[in-house]
Every structure is written in C-alpha cells, then in structure tokens.
C-alpha cells in the first residue's frame, strides 16, 4: 500500500489509513478506514497494526503521516476522558 507521492500543486493529501477519534462509553474504540473503507474497530495500536498487515503492509510504521492519519488524538489516545 503506497500513499500518493504528490503533496504539492494545491491537492489536499489524505493518508491511505485514517484512525478516527475514540468513541465514548465503557469500552471505547477507534474506527479504522483504509482508502475510505471501514475495516474495523481498534482498541489499541496493536489492532491498527494488524489491520495494516492484513492489507499487505508487512512492517507498518504507525508514526508515518504519509501512511496513517490519526484524528482526535495520536496513537496514545484511546478514550475521550
């Protein structure tokens, strides 16, 4: 899985993987999308890495902004409170 190499020319860049903000409730999770398609719920970074491995990324770098876009907090945020 490769992100677009073009970041200039006025185009808005979107990483191929987006991790949405944490949900509220007793068991919060973050929705994960790959190329705009929901792939599941992540309860921790291990889940995000597993979704990427299933998508073909052998050694996912969850800190690479060209690969993963964290919304509502970085990889350390797993609850709303």
N, C-alpha and C. Protein backbone atom coordinates (compact mmCIF):
# COMPACT_ATOMS: atom_id res chain seq x y z
N UNK A 1 0.86 -1.16 0.00
CA UNK A 1 0.00 0.00 0.00
C UNK A 1 0.90 1.22 0.00
N UNK A 2 0.71 2.08 -0.95
CA UNK A 2 1.55 3.27 -1.04
C UNK A 2 0.67 4.50 -1.10
N UNK A 3 1.10 5.52 -0.42
CA UNK A 3 0.40 6.80 -0.46
C UNK A 3 0.87 7.56 -1.68
N UNK A 4 0.08 8.50 -2.11
CA UNK A 4 0.45 9.33 -3.24
C UNK A 4 1.72 10.11 -2.92
N UNK A 5 2.62 10.17 -3.87
CA UNK A 5 3.87 10.89 -3.66
C UNK A 5 3.69 12.39 -3.87
N UNK A 6 2.59 12.80 -4.46
CA UNK A 6 2.35 14.20 -4.75
C UNK A 6 1.72 14.90 -3.55
N UNK A 7 2.44 15.86 -2.99
CA UNK A 7 1.93 16.64 -1.87
C UNK A 7 1.80 18.11 -2.23
N UNK A 8 2.18 18.47 -3.45
CA UNK A 8 2.14 19.87 -3.84
C UNK A 8 1.12 20.08 -4.96
N UNK A 9 1.08 21.25 -5.51
CA UNK A 9 0.17 21.53 -6.61
C UNK A 9 -1.24 21.85 -6.15
N UNK A 10 -1.43 22.14 -4.86
CA UNK A 10 -2.73 22.52 -4.37
C UNK A 10 -3.63 21.36 -3.99
N UNK A 11 -3.20 20.13 -4.23
CA UNK A 11 -4.01 18.98 -3.86
C UNK A 11 -3.97 18.78 -2.35
N UNK A 12 -5.10 18.34 -1.82
CA UNK A 12 -5.15 18.02 -0.39
C UNK A 12 -4.77 16.57 -0.25
N UNK A 13 -3.76 16.31 0.54
CA UNK A 13 -3.27 14.94 0.73
C UNK A 13 -4.04 14.25 1.84
N UNK A 14 -4.46 13.03 1.59
CA UNK A 14 -5.11 12.20 2.59
C UNK A 14 -4.33 10.91 2.71
N UNK A 15 -3.86 10.56 3.90
CA UNK A 15 -3.15 9.29 4.04
C UNK A 15 -4.12 8.15 3.75
N UNK A 16 -3.61 7.02 3.28
CA UNK A 16 -4.49 5.89 2.96
C UNK A 16 -5.19 5.29 4.17
N UNK A 17 -4.60 5.44 5.35
CA UNK A 17 -5.19 4.89 6.56
C UNK A 17 -5.60 6.04 7.47
N UNK A 18 -6.86 6.01 7.93
CA UNK A 18 -7.35 7.03 8.85
C UNK A 18 -7.89 6.33 10.09
N UNK A 19 -7.41 6.79 11.24
CA UNK A 19 -7.88 6.28 12.53
C UNK A 19 -8.74 7.39 13.13
N UNK A 20 -10.02 7.12 13.26
CA UNK A 20 -10.99 8.10 13.73
C UNK A 20 -10.88 8.33 15.24
N UNK A 21 -11.48 9.42 15.75
CA UNK A 21 -11.42 9.70 17.20
C UNK A 21 -12.05 8.58 18.03
N UNK A 22 -11.64 8.49 19.30
CA UNK A 22 -12.22 7.46 20.18
C UNK A 22 -13.72 7.67 20.39
N UNK A 23 -14.42 6.56 20.53
CA UNK A 23 -15.84 6.61 20.86
C UNK A 23 -15.98 6.82 22.36
N UNK A 24 -17.18 7.19 22.77
CA UNK A 24 -17.47 7.33 24.20
C UNK A 24 -18.00 6.01 24.72
N UNK A 25 -17.96 5.84 26.02
CA UNK A 25 -18.55 4.64 26.62
C UNK A 25 -17.57 3.84 27.44
N UNK A 26 -18.07 2.72 27.94
CA UNK A 26 -17.27 1.87 28.83
C UNK A 26 -16.12 1.18 28.10
N UNK A 27 -16.28 0.89 26.82
CA UNK A 27 -15.24 0.21 26.04
C UNK A 27 -14.95 1.00 24.77
N UNK A 28 -14.25 2.15 24.90
CA UNK A 28 -14.01 2.99 23.73
C UNK A 28 -13.11 2.29 22.70
N UNK A 29 -13.32 2.66 21.47
CA UNK A 29 -12.51 2.14 20.37
C UNK A 29 -12.38 3.24 19.33
N UNK A 30 -11.55 3.00 18.34
CA UNK A 30 -11.38 3.95 17.24
C UNK A 30 -11.65 3.20 15.94
N UNK A 31 -12.47 3.79 15.09
CA UNK A 31 -12.75 3.20 13.79
C UNK A 31 -11.54 3.39 12.88
N UNK A 32 -11.26 2.39 12.09
CA UNK A 32 -10.12 2.45 11.17
C UNK A 32 -10.64 2.32 9.74
N UNK A 33 -10.16 3.18 8.87
CA UNK A 33 -10.51 3.16 7.46
C UNK A 33 -9.24 3.05 6.63
N UNK A 34 -9.31 2.27 5.57
CA UNK A 34 -8.21 2.18 4.61
C UNK A 34 -8.78 2.56 3.26
N UNK A 35 -8.22 3.60 2.66
CA UNK A 35 -8.72 4.17 1.42
C UNK A 35 -10.21 4.44 1.48
N UNK A 36 -10.66 4.99 2.62
CA UNK A 36 -12.04 5.40 2.78
C UNK A 36 -13.02 4.28 3.12
N UNK A 37 -12.54 3.05 3.20
CA UNK A 37 -13.41 1.92 3.54
C UNK A 37 -13.19 1.50 4.98
N UNK A 38 -14.26 1.36 5.74
CA UNK A 38 -14.12 0.89 7.12
C UNK A 38 -13.58 -0.55 7.15
N UNK A 39 -12.57 -0.75 8.00
CA UNK A 39 -12.00 -2.10 8.11
C UNK A 39 -12.19 -2.69 9.50
N UNK A 40 -12.59 -1.87 10.47
CA UNK A 40 -12.84 -2.42 11.79
C UNK A 40 -12.65 -1.43 12.91
N UNK A 41 -12.79 -1.99 14.11
CA UNK A 41 -12.62 -1.22 15.34
C UNK A 41 -11.29 -1.57 15.98
N UNK A 42 -10.56 -0.55 16.38
CA UNK A 42 -9.28 -0.75 17.05
C UNK A 42 -9.43 -0.35 18.52
N UNK A 43 -8.97 -1.23 19.38
CA UNK A 43 -8.99 -0.96 20.82
C UNK A 43 -7.59 -0.61 21.33
N UNK A 44 -6.62 -0.63 20.44
CA UNK A 44 -5.25 -0.27 20.76
C UNK A 44 -4.42 -0.26 19.49
N UNK A 45 -3.17 0.19 19.59
CA UNK A 45 -2.31 0.29 18.42
C UNK A 45 -2.06 -1.07 17.77
N UNK A 46 -2.10 -2.14 18.56
CA UNK A 46 -1.88 -3.47 18.02
C UNK A 46 -2.95 -3.81 16.98
N UNK A 47 -4.19 -3.37 17.24
CA UNK A 47 -5.27 -3.62 16.29
C UNK A 47 -5.05 -2.86 14.99
N UNK A 48 -4.61 -1.61 15.09
CA UNK A 48 -4.34 -0.81 13.89
C UNK A 48 -3.25 -1.49 13.07
N UNK A 49 -2.18 -1.92 13.72
CA UNK A 49 -1.09 -2.59 13.03
C UNK A 49 -1.58 -3.87 12.35
N UNK A 50 -2.46 -4.61 13.00
CA UNK A 50 -2.98 -5.85 12.41
C UNK A 50 -3.82 -5.56 11.17
N UNK A 51 -4.64 -4.51 11.20
CA UNK A 51 -5.41 -4.14 10.01
C UNK A 51 -4.47 -3.83 8.85
N UNK A 52 -3.37 -3.15 9.14
CA UNK A 52 -2.41 -2.81 8.08
C UNK A 52 -1.70 -4.05 7.55
N UNK A 53 -1.34 -4.97 8.44
CA UNK A 53 -0.72 -6.22 7.99
C UNK A 53 -1.67 -7.00 7.08
N UNK A 54 -2.93 -7.05 7.46
CA UNK A 54 -3.93 -7.74 6.62
C UNK A 54 -4.09 -7.08 5.26
N UNK A 55 -3.81 -5.77 5.21
CA UNK A 55 -3.91 -5.03 3.95
C UNK A 55 -2.62 -5.13 3.13
N UNK A 56 -1.61 -5.81 3.67
CA UNK A 56 -0.38 -6.03 2.90
C UNK A 56 0.83 -5.25 3.34
N UNK A 57 0.73 -4.48 4.41
CA UNK A 57 1.88 -3.72 4.91
C UNK A 57 2.60 -4.61 5.93
N UNK A 58 3.76 -5.13 5.56
CA UNK A 58 4.45 -6.11 6.38
C UNK A 58 4.91 -5.53 7.72
N UNK A 59 5.55 -4.39 7.68
CA UNK A 59 6.03 -3.73 8.91
C UNK A 59 5.46 -2.32 8.97
N UNK A 60 4.22 -2.18 9.42
CA UNK A 60 3.59 -0.85 9.42
C UNK A 60 4.25 0.12 10.39
N UNK A 61 4.50 1.33 9.90
CA UNK A 61 5.02 2.41 10.74
C UNK A 61 3.85 3.32 11.09
N UNK A 62 3.30 3.14 12.28
CA UNK A 62 2.11 3.88 12.68
C UNK A 62 2.38 5.36 12.93
N UNK A 63 3.65 5.75 12.95
CA UNK A 63 4.02 7.15 13.13
C UNK A 63 4.28 7.86 11.81
N UNK A 64 4.12 7.16 10.69
CA UNK A 64 4.36 7.74 9.38
C UNK A 64 3.11 8.49 8.91
N UNK A 65 3.15 9.83 8.87
CA UNK A 65 1.95 10.59 8.49
C UNK A 65 1.57 10.38 7.02
N UNK A 66 2.46 9.86 6.20
CA UNK A 66 2.12 9.54 4.82
C UNK A 66 1.33 8.24 4.73
N UNK A 67 1.30 7.47 5.80
CA UNK A 67 0.58 6.20 5.84
C UNK A 67 -0.67 6.29 6.71
N UNK A 68 -0.53 6.86 7.92
CA UNK A 68 -1.63 6.87 8.89
C UNK A 68 -1.97 8.29 9.32
N UNK A 69 -3.25 8.62 9.26
CA UNK A 69 -3.74 9.89 9.77
C UNK A 69 -4.53 9.64 11.04
N UNK A 70 -4.03 10.15 12.15
CA UNK A 70 -4.71 9.99 13.44
C UNK A 70 -5.62 11.19 13.65
N UNK A 71 -6.91 10.95 13.85
CA UNK A 71 -7.88 12.02 14.08
C UNK A 71 -8.35 11.96 15.52
N UNK A 72 -8.45 13.11 16.16
CA UNK A 72 -8.92 13.14 17.54
C UNK A 72 -7.90 12.67 18.55
N UNK A 73 -6.64 12.78 18.21
CA UNK A 73 -5.56 12.37 19.11
C UNK A 73 -4.60 11.43 18.42
N UNK A 74 -3.40 11.36 18.94
CA UNK A 74 -2.39 10.49 18.33
C UNK A 74 -2.57 9.04 18.77
N UNK A 75 -1.57 8.23 18.52
CA UNK A 75 -1.65 6.79 18.80
C UNK A 75 -1.73 6.46 20.29
N UNK A 76 -1.56 7.45 21.16
CA UNK A 76 -1.63 7.20 22.60
C UNK A 76 -3.02 7.47 23.17
N UNK A 77 -3.93 8.02 22.36
CA UNK A 77 -5.26 8.41 22.84
C UNK A 77 -6.28 7.33 22.48
N UNK A 78 -6.85 6.70 23.52
CA UNK A 78 -7.81 5.62 23.29
C UNK A 78 -9.10 5.80 24.07
N UNK A 79 -9.29 6.96 24.68
CA UNK A 79 -10.55 7.26 25.35
C UNK A 79 -10.82 8.75 25.23
N UNK A 80 -12.05 9.15 25.53
CA UNK A 80 -12.42 10.55 25.40
C UNK A 80 -12.25 11.30 26.72
N UNK A 81 -11.98 10.59 27.78
CA UNK A 81 -11.90 11.25 29.08
C UNK A 81 -10.59 11.19 29.63
